[in-house]
Amino acid sequence: MTPILLLAVCQAALMMGQSLTLVVAPVATLAMTGNAWLATSAIAVQFGATLSTVFPAAALMRRHGRRAGFVAGALAGMAGSAVAALALHRGSFWMFCVGLSLHGVLNGFATYYRFAAIDAAGVRHRSKAAPIVLFGGAGAAFAGPAFASWMVDSSGTAGFAPTYVGLLAVQGLALLALWPLRLRAPQPGTPSRPWRRIVARSAFAVPAFAAVTGFGTMTLLMTAMPLSLHAHHHSFADTAFVMQWHLLGMFVPALACGALIARWGATPVMAAGAALIGACAALNVATQSLWGTWLAMILLGVGWNFLFLGSTAFLASGHAPHDRPTTEALNDFLVLFTITLTALGAGGMSALWGWQAINAGVIGAAAAVLAAIAWLRRRHGDPTLPGPLAASPSS
């Protein structure tokens, strides 16, 4: 369990940085550029850098091991925090984008934390490994936004700079946690199937679609939410409060979700996640009050948690070991590509269509995922379950 707990510490530091950026970056970027269409562009740059890192990170870790890749990512993240702090002190939007792009490199390596935990846990504890790592982000739910709210003052963009100085120290602690980490060295074995054959399998296509939808809708609503609250004259502290509870919804249910997957299988958990995301969007359409948004964002967090962990368990169990590195990289590339597009477009869509129209589209996306999961369960079964519903990883 030691490697899993160390990875959970690293996940907590990662999520503190991400949650801090989600509440700081849209408001700070708007202050630096004065353009609502660019408000989420720095976050999109970060996600774009993550997208560009996923395949190189997988190749590096396949050659040198996961620990070497995680250390390289941690160093990039620390450099990014230093650059972002300087950028905010100077009021430089472009320098801020450089800093967040280095954070994106960190995220590109860190996206494999959960898969490394699954490998370290072995077959017996596989359903619990990824939830334990994800649960490490629960503390970040309060730490990131609360820290940002506490450190920000009224001196313009320079007032946001101390938040990234503090994040630099947190990332240094995560780097220390990586030093004793011992993971299995990469072993030569059966070559992976071509990626086109993997993508064509329903065992990949449907869970990947569910993961893409979960991340895409969450990113869209999470990055647009601060702008919606700002437009309705709520304070930055209100935004930080809602984001805290949203992040609690994302991470606190992780351990319970692992138990549900072990008992009922991945597909029912994925379906529950899609239904919760649809309920979140319906509530956002019905009301734009602070407490309505608060409840909706909690539902969004829990729904994402169920979709994310359910699809991760399905992908880890539904593919042969020699196909998993390619499967992991393809899934995360598609997820991060979607995140990048939604983060880039969130500001523009908010300005063009409005909060309620965005949420109406999310309801349709959640319904499509529910239909796809029902089809998958009938056609392919559930590889996380024993008995007749279990699917063969090699099928």
Protein backbone atom coordinates (compact mmCIF):
# COMPACT_ATOMS: atom_id res chain seq x y z
CA MET A 1 0.00 0.00 0.00
CA THR A 2 2.95 2.35 0.46
CA PRO A 3 3.29 3.28 -3.25
CA ILE A 4 -0.46 3.92 -3.42
CA LEU A 5 -0.37 6.23 -0.39
CA LEU A 6 2.61 8.14 -1.78
CA LEU A 7 0.77 8.56 -5.07
CA ALA A 8 -2.24 9.82 -3.10
CA VAL A 9 -0.01 12.52 -1.54
CA CYS A 10 1.16 13.54 -5.00
CA GLN A 11 -2.45 13.59 -6.21
CA ALA A 12 -3.38 15.90 -3.35
CA ALA A 13 -0.65 18.38 -4.30
CA LEU A 14 -1.67 18.14 -7.94
CA MET A 15 -5.31 18.85 -7.19
CA MET A 16 -4.47 21.75 -4.91
CA GLY A 17 -2.71 23.37 -7.86
CA GLN A 18 -5.55 22.62 -10.25
CA SER A 19 -8.27 23.87 -7.91
CA LEU A 20 -6.28 27.01 -7.14
CA THR A 21 -5.85 27.71 -10.84
CA LEU A 22 -9.55 27.14 -11.56
CA VAL A 23 -10.59 29.93 -9.18
CA VAL A 24 -7.68 32.29 -9.85
CA ALA A 25 -6.98 32.02 -13.57
CA PRO A 26 -10.35 33.13 -15.07
CA VAL A 27 -10.57 36.21 -12.84
CA ALA A 28 -6.88 37.10 -13.15
CA THR A 29 -6.91 36.62 -16.93
CA LEU A 30 -10.00 38.80 -17.25
CA ALA A 31 -8.21 41.49 -15.22
CA MET A 32 -5.07 41.25 -17.39
CA THR A 33 -6.80 41.18 -20.78
CA GLY A 34 -10.13 42.91 -20.17
CA ASN A 35 -11.67 40.43 -22.63
CA ALA A 36 -14.35 37.97 -21.48
CA TRP A 37 -13.66 35.72 -24.48
CA LEU A 38 -10.11 35.17 -23.21
CA ALA A 39 -11.08 34.60 -19.58
CA THR A 40 -10.53 30.84 -19.72
CA SER A 41 -7.77 30.89 -22.36
CA ALA A 42 -4.88 30.47 -19.89
CA ILE A 43 -6.56 27.35 -18.49
CA ALA A 44 -6.97 26.10 -22.07
CA VAL A 45 -3.23 26.64 -22.64
CA GLN A 46 -2.54 24.50 -19.58
CA PHE A 47 -4.79 21.72 -20.86
CA GLY A 48 -3.22 21.98 -24.31
CA ALA A 49 0.23 21.45 -22.79
CA THR A 50 -1.12 18.44 -20.91
CA LEU A 51 -2.51 17.08 -24.16
CA SER A 52 0.87 17.49 -25.85
CA THR A 53 2.62 15.68 -22.99
CA VAL A 54 0.49 12.53 -22.69
CA PHE A 55 2.17 10.42 -25.39
CA PRO A 56 5.76 11.60 -24.72
CA ALA A 57 5.17 10.94 -21.01
CA ALA A 58 3.97 7.41 -21.75
CA ALA A 59 7.01 6.76 -23.97
CA LEU A 60 9.44 8.12 -21.37
CA MET A 61 7.92 6.05 -18.59
CA ARG A 62 7.84 2.94 -20.75
CA ARG A 63 11.60 3.32 -21.24
CA HIS A 64 12.73 4.68 -17.85
CA GLY A 65 9.92 3.78 -15.46
CA ARG A 66 6.99 5.68 -13.98
CA ARG A 67 8.97 7.21 -11.11
CA ALA A 68 11.38 8.99 -13.47
CA GLY A 69 8.45 10.45 -15.37
CA PHE A 70 6.67 11.59 -12.23
CA VAL A 71 9.83 13.37 -10.99
CA ALA A 72 10.25 15.11 -14.36
CA GLY A 73 6.65 16.27 -14.20
CA ALA A 74 7.02 17.55 -10.63
CA LEU A 75 10.05 19.65 -11.59
CA ALA A 76 8.12 21.15 -14.52
CA GLY A 77 5.24 22.01 -12.22
CA MET A 78 7.51 23.79 -9.74
CA ALA A 79 9.01 25.85 -12.55
CA GLY A 80 5.50 26.68 -13.73
CA SER A 81 4.46 28.00 -10.32
CA ALA A 82 7.51 30.26 -10.17
CA VAL A 83 6.81 31.66 -13.65
CA ALA A 84 3.08 32.13 -12.91
CA ALA A 85 3.83 34.04 -9.70
CA LEU A 86 6.23 36.36 -11.55
CA ALA A 87 3.71 36.82 -14.37
CA LEU A 88 0.95 37.87 -11.99
CA HIS A 89 3.31 40.23 -10.18
CA ARG A 90 4.12 41.89 -13.52
CA GLY A 91 0.60 41.63 -14.95
CA SER A 92 1.87 39.69 -17.97
CA PHE A 93 -0.80 37.50 -19.56
CA TRP A 94 1.64 35.77 -21.93
CA MET A 95 4.07 34.92 -19.16
CA PHE A 96 1.14 33.57 -17.14
CA CYS A 97 0.29 31.29 -20.06
CA VAL A 98 3.89 30.00 -20.06
CA GLY A 99 3.65 29.22 -16.35
CA LEU A 100 0.37 27.35 -16.77
CA SER A 101 1.77 25.45 -19.76
CA LEU A 102 4.48 24.08 -17.46
CA HIS A 103 1.73 23.07 -15.06
CA GLY A 104 0.20 21.29 -18.04
CA VAL A 105 3.40 19.26 -18.45
CA LEU A 106 3.10 18.20 -14.81
CA ASN A 107 -0.51 17.17 -15.39
CA GLY A 108 0.48 15.15 -18.46
CA PHE A 109 2.72 12.94 -16.33
CA ALA A 110 0.42 12.95 -13.30
CA THR A 111 -2.52 11.61 -15.31
CA TYR A 112 -0.83 8.22 -14.96
CA TYR A 113 -0.89 8.26 -11.14
CA ARG A 114 -4.05 6.16 -11.04
CA PHE A 115 -2.75 3.58 -13.52
CA ALA A 116 0.54 3.31 -11.60
CA ALA A 117 -1.48 2.65 -8.45
CA ILE A 118 -3.48 -0.08 -10.19
CA ASP A 119 -0.23 -1.74 -11.33
CA ALA A 120 1.23 -1.52 -7.82
CA ALA A 121 -1.90 -2.93 -6.17
CA GLY A 122 -2.17 -6.12 -8.18
CA VAL A 123 -5.36 -7.93 -9.15
CA ARG A 124 -6.76 -8.38 -5.62
CA HIS A 125 -6.90 -4.67 -4.73
CA ARG A 126 -7.22 -3.22 -8.23
CA SER A 127 -10.72 -1.80 -7.73
CA LYS A 128 -9.54 0.11 -4.63
CA ALA A 129 -6.19 1.49 -5.86
CA ALA A 130 -7.41 4.28 -8.16
CA PRO A 131 -10.09 5.44 -5.66
CA ILE A 132 -7.47 5.71 -2.90
CA VAL A 133 -5.26 7.87 -5.12
CA LEU A 134 -8.20 9.99 -6.21
CA PHE A 135 -9.28 10.38 -2.57
CA GLY A 136 -5.92 12.06 -2.01
CA GLY A 137 -7.40 15.06 -3.80
CA ALA A 138 -10.15 15.48 -1.22
CA GLY A 139 -8.02 17.74 0.98
CA ALA A 140 -7.31 19.91 -2.05
CA ALA A 141 -11.03 20.64 -2.30
CA PHE A 142 -10.72 23.08 0.57
CA ALA A 143 -7.00 23.79 0.49
CA GLY A 144 -6.74 25.22 -3.04
CA PRO A 145 -9.68 27.66 -3.16
CA ALA A 146 -9.38 28.53 0.55
CA PHE A 147 -5.69 29.28 0.14
CA ALA A 148 -6.40 31.42 -2.91
CA SER A 149 -9.17 33.32 -1.13
CA TRP A 150 -6.95 33.86 1.91
CA MET A 151 -3.90 35.04 -0.06
CA VAL A 152 -5.56 37.27 -2.65
CA ASP A 153 -5.74 40.98 -1.84
CA SER A 154 -7.11 44.01 -3.70
CA SER A 155 -3.88 45.09 -5.39
CA GLY A 156 -4.81 43.92 -8.89
CA THR A 157 -3.26 40.90 -10.56
CA ALA A 158 -0.18 41.17 -8.33
CA GLY A 159 -2.48 40.21 -5.45
CA PHE A 160 -2.78 36.71 -6.95
CA ALA A 161 0.98 36.12 -7.10
CA PRO A 162 1.38 34.80 -3.51
CA THR A 163 -1.00 31.95 -4.30
CA TYR A 164 1.53 30.44 -6.71
CA VAL A 165 4.43 31.04 -4.36
CA GLY A 166 2.61 28.93 -1.79
CA LEU A 167 1.81 26.31 -4.45
CA LEU A 168 5.52 26.09 -5.29
CA ALA A 169 6.20 25.00 -1.70
CA VAL A 170 3.42 22.40 -1.82
CA GLN A 171 4.80 20.98 -5.06
CA GLY A 172 8.21 20.71 -3.42
CA LEU A 173 6.66 18.49 -0.75
CA ALA A 174 5.14 16.31 -3.48
CA LEU A 175 8.57 15.96 -5.07
CA LEU A 176 9.93 14.71 -1.75
CA ALA A 177 7.14 12.11 -1.63
CA LEU A 178 8.27 10.77 -5.02
CA TRP A 179 11.84 9.96 -3.92
CA PRO A 180 11.01 6.82 -1.89
CA LEU A 181 8.46 5.68 -4.46
CA ARG A 182 9.21 2.22 -5.81
CA LEU A 183 7.22 0.90 -8.73
CA ARG A 184 7.65 -2.08 -10.95
CA ALA A 185 10.21 -1.57 -13.70
CA PRO A 186 8.89 -1.79 -17.26
CA GLN A 187 9.13 -5.34 -18.57
CA PRO A 188 9.42 -6.41 -22.21
CA GLY A 189 6.50 -8.50 -23.33
CA THR A 190 3.92 -9.00 -26.05
CA PRO A 191 3.70 -5.91 -28.26
CA SER A 192 0.53 -3.89 -28.00
CA ARG A 193 -2.06 -4.18 -30.73
CA PRO A 194 -2.23 -1.27 -33.21
CA TRP A 195 -4.13 1.65 -31.80
CA ARG A 196 -6.73 1.46 -34.59
CA ARG A 197 -7.76 -2.02 -33.43
CA ILE A 198 -7.97 -0.87 -29.82
CA VAL A 199 -10.10 2.16 -30.66
CA ALA A 200 -12.49 0.01 -32.70
CA ARG A 201 -13.34 -2.20 -29.70
CA SER A 202 -16.51 -1.41 -27.78
CA ALA A 203 -14.52 -2.19 -24.60
CA PHE A 204 -12.50 0.93 -25.37
CA ALA A 205 -14.90 3.15 -27.30
CA VAL A 206 -17.75 3.33 -24.78
CA PRO A 207 -15.76 3.84 -21.54
CA ALA A 208 -13.58 6.35 -23.37
CA PHE A 209 -16.71 8.16 -24.57
CA ALA A 210 -18.02 8.17 -21.00
CA ALA A 211 -14.72 9.53 -19.67
CA VAL A 212 -14.55 12.18 -22.39
CA THR A 213 -18.11 13.31 -21.67
CA GLY A 214 -17.53 13.34 -17.91
CA PHE A 215 -14.38 15.41 -18.17
CA GLY A 216 -15.71 17.64 -20.95
CA THR A 217 -18.96 18.57 -19.20
CA MET A 218 -17.23 19.01 -15.87
CA THR A 219 -14.54 21.26 -17.35
CA LEU A 220 -17.09 23.31 -19.25
CA LEU A 221 -19.29 23.91 -16.21
CA MET A 222 -16.41 24.25 -13.75
CA THR A 223 -14.61 26.91 -15.81
CA ALA A 224 -17.80 28.77 -16.73
CA MET A 225 -19.19 28.73 -13.18
CA PRO A 226 -16.89 31.51 -11.81
CA LEU A 227 -17.93 33.72 -14.72
CA SER A 228 -21.62 33.00 -14.11
CA LEU A 229 -21.35 33.85 -10.41
CA HIS A 230 -19.31 36.94 -11.22
CA ALA A 231 -21.98 38.07 -13.70
CA HIS A 232 -24.63 37.71 -10.97
CA HIS A 233 -22.56 39.91 -8.63
CA HIS A 234 -21.38 37.20 -6.27
CA SER A 235 -18.06 37.74 -4.54
CA PHE A 236 -14.77 35.91 -5.18
CA ALA A 237 -15.23 34.29 -1.77
CA ASP A 238 -18.60 32.90 -2.96
CA THR A 239 -16.92 31.45 -6.03
CA ALA A 240 -14.20 29.86 -3.90
CA PHE A 241 -16.86 28.42 -1.58
CA VAL A 242 -18.79 26.78 -4.43
CA MET A 243 -15.57 25.45 -5.95
CA GLN A 244 -14.56 23.92 -2.61
CA TRP A 245 -17.77 21.95 -2.35
CA HIS A 246 -17.61 20.94 -6.00
CA LEU A 247 -14.13 19.52 -5.45
CA LEU A 248 -15.32 17.70 -2.34
CA GLY A 249 -17.96 16.10 -4.54
CA MET A 250 -15.24 15.10 -6.97
CA PHE A 251 -12.96 13.36 -4.49
CA VAL A 252 -14.66 12.46 -1.20
CA PRO A 253 -16.91 9.73 -2.75
CA ALA A 254 -13.87 7.98 -4.27
CA LEU A 255 -13.52 5.27 -1.61
CA ALA A 256 -17.24 4.52 -1.63
CA CYS A 257 -17.14 4.44 -5.42
CA GLY A 258 -14.38 1.81 -5.33
CA ALA A 259 -16.53 -0.35 -3.06
CA LEU A 260 -19.52 0.07 -5.38
CA ILE A 261 -17.45 -1.00 -8.38
CA ALA A 262 -16.20 -4.06 -6.50
CA ARG A 263 -19.78 -5.02 -5.58
CA TRP A 264 -21.86 -4.04 -8.59
CA GLY A 265 -19.35 -3.57 -11.43
CA ALA A 266 -18.18 -0.56 -13.40
CA THR A 267 -21.13 -0.09 -15.77
CA PRO A 268 -23.82 0.70 -13.14
CA VAL A 269 -21.45 3.16 -11.47
CA MET A 270 -20.78 4.85 -14.81
CA ALA A 271 -24.52 5.09 -15.47
CA ALA A 272 -25.11 6.66 -12.04
CA GLY A 273 -22.40 9.22 -12.81
CA ALA A 274 -24.02 10.22 -16.10
CA ALA A 275 -27.41 10.56 -14.38
CA LEU A 276 -25.92 12.83 -11.69
CA ILE A 277 -24.31 15.08 -14.30
CA GLY A 278 -27.66 15.35 -16.06
CA ALA A 279 -29.31 16.27 -12.74
CA CYS A 280 -26.66 18.95 -12.15
CA ALA A 281 -27.33 20.54 -15.52
CA ALA A 282 -31.11 20.42 -15.01
CA LEU A 283 -30.74 22.23 -11.68
CA ASN A 284 -28.54 24.88 -13.30
CA VAL A 285 -31.22 25.45 -15.93
CA ALA A 286 -33.89 25.76 -13.25
CA THR A 287 -32.07 28.23 -10.97
CA GLN A 288 -29.04 30.51 -10.97
CA SER A 289 -29.07 31.26 -7.25
CA LEU A 290 -25.90 30.78 -5.20
CA TRP A 291 -27.30 27.80 -3.29
CA GLY A 292 -28.74 26.23 -6.41
CA THR A 293 -25.34 26.49 -8.09
CA TRP A 294 -23.70 25.10 -4.95
CA LEU A 295 -25.87 21.98 -4.99
CA ALA A 296 -25.55 21.54 -8.74
CA MET A 297 -21.77 21.69 -8.61
CA ILE A 298 -21.70 19.05 -5.85
CA LEU A 299 -23.80 16.78 -8.07
CA LEU A 300 -21.42 17.49 -10.95
CA GLY A 301 -18.43 16.49 -8.81
CA VAL A 302 -19.98 13.21 -7.66
CA GLY A 303 -21.14 12.40 -11.18
CA TRP A 304 -17.67 13.00 -12.57
CA ASN A 305 -16.16 10.82 -9.83
CA PHE A 306 -18.42 7.90 -10.73
CA LEU A 307 -17.85 8.26 -14.48
CA PHE A 308 -14.09 8.68 -14.08
CA LEU A 309 -13.50 5.77 -11.73
CA GLY A 310 -15.99 3.52 -13.47
CA SER A 311 -14.41 4.07 -16.88
CA THR A 312 -10.90 3.67 -15.40
CA ALA A 313 -11.85 0.31 -13.84
CA PHE A 314 -13.46 -0.86 -17.09
CA LEU A 315 -10.42 0.10 -19.17
CA ALA A 316 -7.98 -1.48 -16.69
CA SER A 317 -9.91 -4.77 -16.57
CA GLY A 318 -11.20 -4.97 -20.12
CA HIS A 319 -7.83 -5.03 -21.91
CA ALA A 320 -4.91 -7.41 -21.90
CA PRO A 321 -1.80 -6.21 -19.99
CA HIS A 322 0.23 -5.66 -23.17
CA ASP A 323 -2.50 -3.37 -24.54
CA ARG A 324 -2.89 -1.23 -21.42
CA PRO A 325 -0.11 1.35 -22.04
CA THR A 326 -1.60 2.17 -25.46
CA THR A 327 -5.12 2.09 -24.04
CA GLU A 328 -4.19 4.46 -21.20
CA ALA A 329 -2.47 6.92 -23.52
CA LEU A 330 -5.29 6.91 -26.08
CA ASN A 331 -7.97 7.39 -23.44
CA ASP A 332 -6.16 10.25 -21.73
CA PHE A 333 -5.31 11.90 -25.05
CA LEU A 334 -8.99 11.96 -26.01
CA VAL A 335 -9.97 13.20 -22.55
CA LEU A 336 -7.38 15.97 -22.55
CA PHE A 337 -8.21 17.01 -26.12
CA THR A 338 -11.83 17.46 -25.03
CA ILE A 339 -10.81 19.30 -21.86
CA THR A 340 -8.66 21.69 -23.89
CA LEU A 341 -11.49 22.51 -26.30
CA THR A 342 -14.06 23.00 -23.55
CA ALA A 343 -11.75 25.14 -21.42
CA LEU A 344 -10.85 27.27 -24.43
CA GLY A 345 -14.47 27.71 -25.44
CA ALA A 346 -16.06 28.11 -22.00
CA GLY A 347 -15.57 31.87 -21.85
CA GLY A 348 -16.85 32.41 -25.39
CA MET A 349 -19.81 30.07 -24.96
CA SER A 350 -20.76 31.82 -21.73
CA ALA A 351 -20.66 35.19 -23.45
CA LEU A 352 -22.47 33.97 -26.61
CA TRP A 353 -25.07 31.50 -25.36
CA GLY A 354 -25.28 31.94 -21.60
CA TRP A 355 -25.12 29.61 -18.64
CA GLN A 356 -28.53 28.00 -19.09
CA ALA A 357 -28.00 27.09 -22.75
CA ILE A 358 -24.67 25.44 -21.90
CA ASN A 359 -26.37 23.33 -19.25
CA ALA A 360 -29.13 22.31 -21.67
CA GLY A 361 -26.42 20.88 -23.92
CA VAL A 362 -24.93 18.99 -20.97
CA ILE A 363 -28.29 17.27 -20.37
CA GLY A 364 -28.19 15.91 -23.92
CA ALA A 365 -24.60 14.69 -23.51
CA ALA A 366 -25.47 12.86 -20.28
CA ALA A 367 -28.40 11.13 -22.00
CA ALA A 368 -26.10 9.95 -24.82
CA VAL A 369 -23.69 8.42 -22.29
CA LEU A 370 -26.51 6.55 -20.55
CA ALA A 371 -27.61 5.06 -23.87
CA ALA A 372 -24.04 4.04 -24.76
CA ILE A 373 -23.48 2.35 -21.38
CA ALA A 374 -26.72 0.35 -21.70
CA TRP A 375 -25.61 -0.84 -25.15
CA LEU A 376 -22.12 -1.72 -23.87
CA ARG A 377 -23.44 -3.81 -21.00
CA ARG A 378 -25.69 -5.81 -23.32
CA ARG A 379 -23.03 -6.29 -26.01
CA HIS A 380 -19.79 -6.65 -24.07
CA GLY A 381 -20.62 -7.41 -20.44
CA ASP A 382 -18.65 -5.97 -17.53
CA PRO A 383 -15.01 -7.07 -17.06
CA THR A 384 -15.01 -5.90 -13.44
CA LEU A 385 -17.60 -8.54 -12.49
CA PRO A 386 -17.23 -12.31 -12.14
CA GLY A 387 -19.69 -14.67 -13.78
CA PRO A 388 -21.71 -14.37 -16.99
CA LEU A 389 -21.51 -10.59 -17.22
CA ALA A 390 -17.70 -10.61 -17.15
CA ALA A 391 -15.95 -9.78 -20.41
CA SER A 392 -12.68 -11.24 -21.56
CA PRO A 393 -9.79 -8.74 -21.64
CA SER A 394 -8.62 -10.22 -24.91
CA SER A 395 -12.01 -10.07 -26.66
